[in-house]
Amino acid sequence: MAERLHITSKYAQPLISGRVTFVSLPGETRNQIYDLCLAREYQRVPLDPHYHNKPDPFNALAQTCSQIYTEVRSYLVKNQTAYIPIMAGMHYNYGSAELHEEYGLTPATHDTIAAALLDFSRVHFHLHLDSAAGHIYDPYALLSLLRDAIRKFLSTSRDVYVEHRLTPRRVTVHVDHLLVLWKEFQEERPMSIGRLTDVAYLLAKDRYTDWEFLSCLPTGQARSERLQPNPTPCLDCNDIPWFVSPSQASSKMPN
């Protein structure tokens, strides 16, 4: 099984003694530079599994030396959002299974996803509903993957909460068009609504995270609901009566 790589930070020394370098700047100034370079917004939407994003050139900052890597990584895990695709072929543990080559994913990508779930303060889970093959994709396995990824995330929620001075993590769970297409999925393969309540119960267990549930309406627009006491339904649909608040879910969980 692959093990997580830990990089030991060493204070960077100039190649020529006495020369002023980037790390000679005050820490506050370096943080402002990181903010200018790395505080960027990205469009987080499902992409073709064979599509490869061009790497952000500013990410090369992290490859300068171990000290700057540590500083850049600390900035990213606190301020950036980790996008976690929930799709076939994805695994969320270090070396737990071999990724499918057809998706162009490498072990390095595998480890990056696991690290993001464990460390990032902001995470965006996105359910990828695949209808490219000409038929509706069975979401049964995708919901199982979503639960696996959330469980991995929950394993370090308290530690991250304490590390960031009791600041809650912020997470979006985006189920795409799952609720809109629920009846069509039922025609292909009947699926218990309990699959969704299981996800709600997982969210309710975590008191160290602010959760947001995001779904797409039939118009194609996204609508979000904060998981809080007495929320309004995310969709006006009596056939999907699963949306509950953390307090409601906690009261229904078995002892």
Protein backbone atom coordinates (compact mmCIF):
# COMPACT_ATOMS: atom_id res chain seq x y z
CA MET A 1 0.00 0.00 0.00
CA ALA A 2 1.29 3.47 -0.86
CA GLU A 3 2.24 5.70 2.03
CA ARG A 4 1.70 9.41 2.28
CA LEU A 5 4.78 11.47 1.43
CA HIS A 6 5.83 13.93 4.12
CA ILE A 7 8.22 16.75 3.19
CA THR A 8 10.41 18.14 5.95
CA SER A 9 10.67 21.92 5.74
CA LYS A 10 14.15 23.41 5.94
CA TYR A 11 14.87 27.12 6.11
CA ALA A 12 16.01 28.18 2.65
CA GLN A 13 19.54 29.56 2.43
CA PRO A 14 20.73 31.74 -0.49
CA LEU A 15 23.19 30.19 -2.91
CA ILE A 16 25.44 33.20 -2.35
CA SER A 17 25.85 34.07 1.31
CA GLY A 18 24.38 37.44 2.21
CA ARG A 19 22.27 37.80 -0.94
CA VAL A 20 18.68 38.95 -0.38
CA THR A 21 16.16 36.37 -1.60
CA PHE A 22 12.39 35.83 -1.56
CA VAL A 23 12.52 34.20 1.88
CA SER A 24 14.33 37.27 3.20
CA LEU A 25 11.02 39.13 2.95
CA PRO A 26 8.83 39.29 6.08
CA GLY A 27 6.33 36.46 6.41
CA GLU A 28 3.39 38.88 6.07
CA THR A 29 4.76 40.11 2.73
CA ARG A 30 5.24 36.56 1.46
CA ASN A 31 1.64 35.76 2.44
CA GLN A 32 0.42 38.75 0.41
CA ILE A 33 2.37 37.48 -2.60
CA TYR A 34 0.84 34.02 -2.18
CA ASP A 35 -2.57 35.65 -2.01
CA LEU A 36 -1.99 37.54 -5.28
CA CYS A 37 -0.76 34.41 -7.05
CA LEU A 38 -3.00 31.72 -5.63
CA ALA A 39 -6.30 33.38 -4.65
CA ARG A 40 -8.01 32.39 -7.89
CA GLU A 41 -11.55 31.26 -8.63
CA TYR A 42 -12.13 28.24 -10.85
CA GLN A 43 -15.27 26.99 -12.56
CA ARG A 44 -16.03 23.68 -10.88
CA VAL A 45 -18.13 21.67 -13.30
CA PRO A 46 -17.98 18.04 -14.48
CA LEU A 47 -15.57 17.55 -17.36
CA ASP A 48 -14.98 14.72 -19.78
CA PRO A 49 -12.84 12.14 -17.92
CA HIS A 50 -10.19 12.35 -20.66
CA TYR A 51 -9.94 16.15 -20.43
CA HIS A 52 -6.74 17.44 -18.86
CA ASN A 53 -6.66 20.89 -17.33
CA LYS A 54 -3.51 22.87 -17.94
CA PRO A 55 -1.69 23.32 -14.64
CA ASP A 56 -1.72 26.78 -13.13
CA PRO A 57 1.77 28.25 -13.69
CA PHE A 58 1.69 29.84 -10.23
CA ASN A 59 1.66 26.36 -8.69
CA ALA A 60 5.34 26.17 -9.63
CA LEU A 61 5.94 28.32 -6.54
CA ALA A 62 5.54 25.18 -4.45
CA GLN A 63 8.46 23.54 -6.26
CA THR A 64 11.00 26.22 -5.35
CA CYS A 65 12.18 24.72 -2.07
CA SER A 66 10.79 22.85 0.93
CA GLN A 67 10.18 26.03 2.95
CA ILE A 68 8.12 27.69 0.23
CA TYR A 69 6.34 24.38 -0.46
CA THR A 70 5.26 24.27 3.19
CA GLU A 71 4.09 27.89 3.13
CA VAL A 72 2.21 27.51 -0.18
CA ARG A 73 0.57 24.28 0.91
CA SER A 74 -0.53 25.83 4.21
CA TYR A 75 -2.09 28.70 2.27
CA LEU A 76 -3.91 26.36 -0.13
CA VAL A 77 -5.38 24.00 2.46
CA LYS A 78 -6.76 26.95 4.41
CA ASN A 79 -8.01 29.22 1.63
CA GLN A 80 -8.65 27.21 -1.52
CA THR A 81 -11.47 24.76 -2.26
CA ALA A 82 -10.58 21.15 -3.06
CA TYR A 83 -12.80 19.86 -5.88
CA ILE A 84 -13.57 16.16 -5.33
CA PRO A 85 -15.23 14.48 -8.34
CA ILE A 86 -17.49 11.55 -7.46
CA MET A 87 -17.28 9.36 -10.53
CA ALA A 88 -16.51 5.83 -11.67
CA GLY A 89 -12.86 4.88 -11.28
CA MET A 90 -12.16 7.18 -8.34
CA HIS A 91 -10.86 6.02 -4.97
CA TYR A 92 -10.29 8.13 -1.90
CA ASN A 93 -7.67 6.27 0.14
CA TYR A 94 -3.93 5.97 -0.30
CA GLY A 95 -3.20 2.93 -2.44
CA SER A 96 -6.44 1.13 -1.57
CA ALA A 97 -7.20 0.18 -5.16
CA GLU A 98 -5.79 0.57 -8.63
CA LEU A 99 -7.29 3.38 -10.67
CA HIS A 100 -8.70 2.65 -14.09
CA GLU A 101 -6.24 3.67 -16.78
CA GLU A 102 -9.08 4.71 -19.08
CA TYR A 103 -9.61 7.83 -16.97
CA GLY A 104 -6.03 9.00 -17.34
CA LEU A 105 -5.54 9.16 -13.58
CA THR A 106 -2.19 8.44 -11.98
CA PRO A 107 -1.25 7.31 -8.46
CA ALA A 108 -0.10 10.89 -7.86
CA THR A 109 -3.65 12.11 -8.58
CA HIS A 110 -4.93 9.39 -6.28
CA ASP A 111 -2.75 10.60 -3.40
CA THR A 112 -3.66 14.23 -4.07
CA ILE A 113 -7.38 13.49 -3.70
CA ALA A 114 -6.82 11.63 -0.43
CA ALA A 115 -4.66 14.45 0.93
CA ALA A 116 -7.30 17.04 0.01
CA LEU A 117 -10.00 15.12 1.89
CA LEU A 118 -7.83 14.90 4.99
CA ASP A 119 -6.39 18.41 5.09
CA PHE A 120 -8.39 21.04 3.20
CA SER A 121 -10.71 23.38 5.08
CA ARG A 122 -12.96 23.82 2.04
CA VAL A 123 -14.14 20.89 -0.05
CA HIS A 124 -16.60 20.58 -2.93
CA PHE A 125 -18.01 17.09 -3.60
CA HIS A 126 -19.59 16.82 -7.05
CA LEU A 127 -21.63 13.82 -8.20
CA HIS A 128 -20.90 13.15 -11.89
CA LEU A 129 -24.02 11.76 -13.57
CA ASP A 130 -22.87 10.13 -16.78
CA SER A 131 -25.38 9.90 -19.63
CA ALA A 132 -22.82 10.07 -22.45
CA ALA A 133 -23.27 6.39 -23.30
CA GLY A 134 -26.83 6.98 -24.47
CA HIS A 135 -28.56 5.65 -21.36
CA ILE A 136 -29.00 6.93 -17.86
CA TYR A 137 -26.13 5.96 -15.62
CA ASP A 138 -27.02 3.93 -12.54
CA PRO A 139 -26.28 6.25 -9.57
CA TYR A 140 -26.26 3.42 -7.03
CA ALA A 141 -22.47 2.98 -7.13
CA LEU A 142 -21.89 6.74 -7.24
CA LEU A 143 -23.74 7.26 -3.96
CA SER A 144 -21.58 4.56 -2.39
CA LEU A 145 -18.48 6.41 -3.59
CA LEU A 146 -19.87 9.65 -2.19
CA ARG A 147 -20.31 8.05 1.22
CA ASP A 148 -16.77 6.64 1.09
CA ALA A 149 -15.33 10.07 0.29
CA ILE A 150 -17.35 11.77 3.04
CA ARG A 151 -16.24 9.16 5.59
CA LYS A 152 -12.61 9.85 4.66
CA PHE A 153 -13.24 13.57 5.08
CA LEU A 154 -14.90 13.08 8.48
CA SER A 155 -11.89 11.18 9.85
CA THR A 156 -9.89 14.41 10.29
CA SER A 157 -12.63 17.03 10.72
CA ARG A 158 -12.00 17.56 14.43
CA ASP A 159 -8.22 17.80 13.97
CA VAL A 160 -8.54 20.35 11.16
CA TYR A 161 -11.09 22.31 13.22
CA VAL A 162 -8.64 22.58 16.12
CA GLU A 163 -5.65 23.28 13.87
CA HIS A 164 -7.41 26.26 12.30
CA ARG A 165 -8.32 27.86 15.64
CA LEU A 166 -11.80 26.35 15.97
CA THR A 167 -12.85 27.51 12.51
CA PRO A 168 -15.43 25.14 10.95
CA ARG A 169 -14.63 23.52 7.64
CA ARG A 170 -16.92 24.52 4.76
CA VAL A 171 -18.18 21.81 2.43
CA THR A 172 -20.55 21.69 -0.54
CA VAL A 173 -22.21 18.41 -1.51
CA HIS A 174 -23.42 18.87 -5.09
CA VAL A 175 -25.65 16.05 -6.35
CA ASP A 176 -26.09 17.63 -9.78
CA HIS A 177 -29.39 16.48 -11.43
CA LEU A 178 -29.87 13.43 -9.22
CA LEU A 179 -33.10 14.65 -7.62
CA VAL A 180 -34.54 15.93 -10.88
CA LEU A 181 -33.86 12.59 -12.60
CA TRP A 182 -34.87 10.44 -9.64
CA LYS A 183 -38.02 9.02 -11.29
CA GLU A 184 -36.08 8.13 -14.44
CA PHE A 185 -33.43 6.38 -12.38
CA GLN A 186 -36.18 4.41 -10.65
CA GLU A 187 -37.41 3.13 -14.00
CA GLU A 188 -33.94 1.82 -14.87
CA ARG A 189 -33.21 0.34 -11.44
CA PRO A 190 -35.35 0.85 -8.33
CA MET A 191 -33.28 2.41 -5.57
CA SER A 192 -34.26 2.95 -1.95
CA ILE A 193 -34.52 6.55 -0.77
CA GLY A 194 -32.49 5.32 2.18
CA ARG A 195 -29.39 5.75 0.02
CA LEU A 196 -29.82 9.49 0.38
CA THR A 197 -30.77 9.50 4.04
CA ASP A 198 -27.55 7.60 4.75
CA VAL A 199 -25.64 10.55 3.30
CA ALA A 200 -27.65 13.00 5.43
CA TYR A 201 -26.86 11.02 8.59
CA LEU A 202 -23.15 11.13 7.78
CA LEU A 203 -23.26 14.92 7.50
CA ALA A 204 -25.17 15.16 10.76
CA LYS A 205 -22.41 13.36 12.64
CA ASP A 206 -19.87 16.09 11.91
CA ARG A 207 -20.19 19.06 14.26
CA TYR A 208 -17.00 20.68 12.97
CA THR A 209 -18.20 21.47 9.45
CA ASP A 210 -20.65 23.87 7.80
CA TRP A 211 -22.42 21.80 5.15
CA GLU A 212 -24.17 23.07 2.02
CA PHE A 213 -26.37 20.84 -0.13
CA LEU A 214 -26.48 21.85 -3.80
CA SER A 215 -28.80 20.45 -6.46
CA CYS A 216 -29.85 21.41 -9.98
CA LEU A 217 -33.42 22.39 -10.79
CA PRO A 218 -35.18 21.32 -14.02
CA THR A 219 -34.38 24.77 -15.45
CA GLY A 220 -30.68 23.94 -15.27
CA GLN A 221 -30.08 26.41 -12.46
CA ALA A 222 -28.39 25.35 -9.25
CA ARG A 223 -30.04 25.80 -5.91
CA SER A 224 -28.35 25.39 -2.56
CA GLU A 225 -29.60 24.79 0.95
CA ARG A 226 -27.62 25.24 4.14
CA LEU A 227 -27.92 22.31 6.50
CA GLN A 228 -29.46 24.06 9.48
CA PRO A 229 -32.47 23.59 11.78
CA ASN A 230 -35.83 23.57 9.98
CA PRO A 231 -34.56 24.04 6.42
CA THR A 232 -36.92 24.43 3.49
CA PRO A 233 -36.95 21.56 0.98
CA CYS A 234 -34.30 21.89 -1.72
CA LEU A 235 -36.85 20.79 -4.32
CA ASP A 236 -40.62 21.07 -4.25
CA CYS A 237 -41.06 17.33 -4.77
CA ASN A 238 -43.06 15.05 -2.47
CA ASP A 239 -41.44 11.96 -3.97
CA ILE A 240 -38.07 12.83 -2.39
CA PRO A 241 -38.84 13.49 1.31
CA TRP A 242 -35.31 12.86 2.53
CA PHE A 243 -33.88 16.31 3.22
CA VAL A 244 -33.36 16.70 6.96
CA SER A 245 -31.40 19.02 9.21
CA PRO A 246 -28.47 17.76 11.32
CA SER A 247 -30.59 17.95 14.47
CA GLN A 248 -33.38 15.93 12.86
CA ALA A 249 -30.95 13.36 11.50
CA SER A 250 -29.21 13.01 14.86
CA SER A 251 -32.51 12.28 16.57
CA LYS A 252 -33.23 9.50 14.06
CA MET A 253 -29.84 7.82 14.20
CA PRO A 254 -29.68 4.54 16.11
CA ASN A 255 -27.77 4.54 19.37
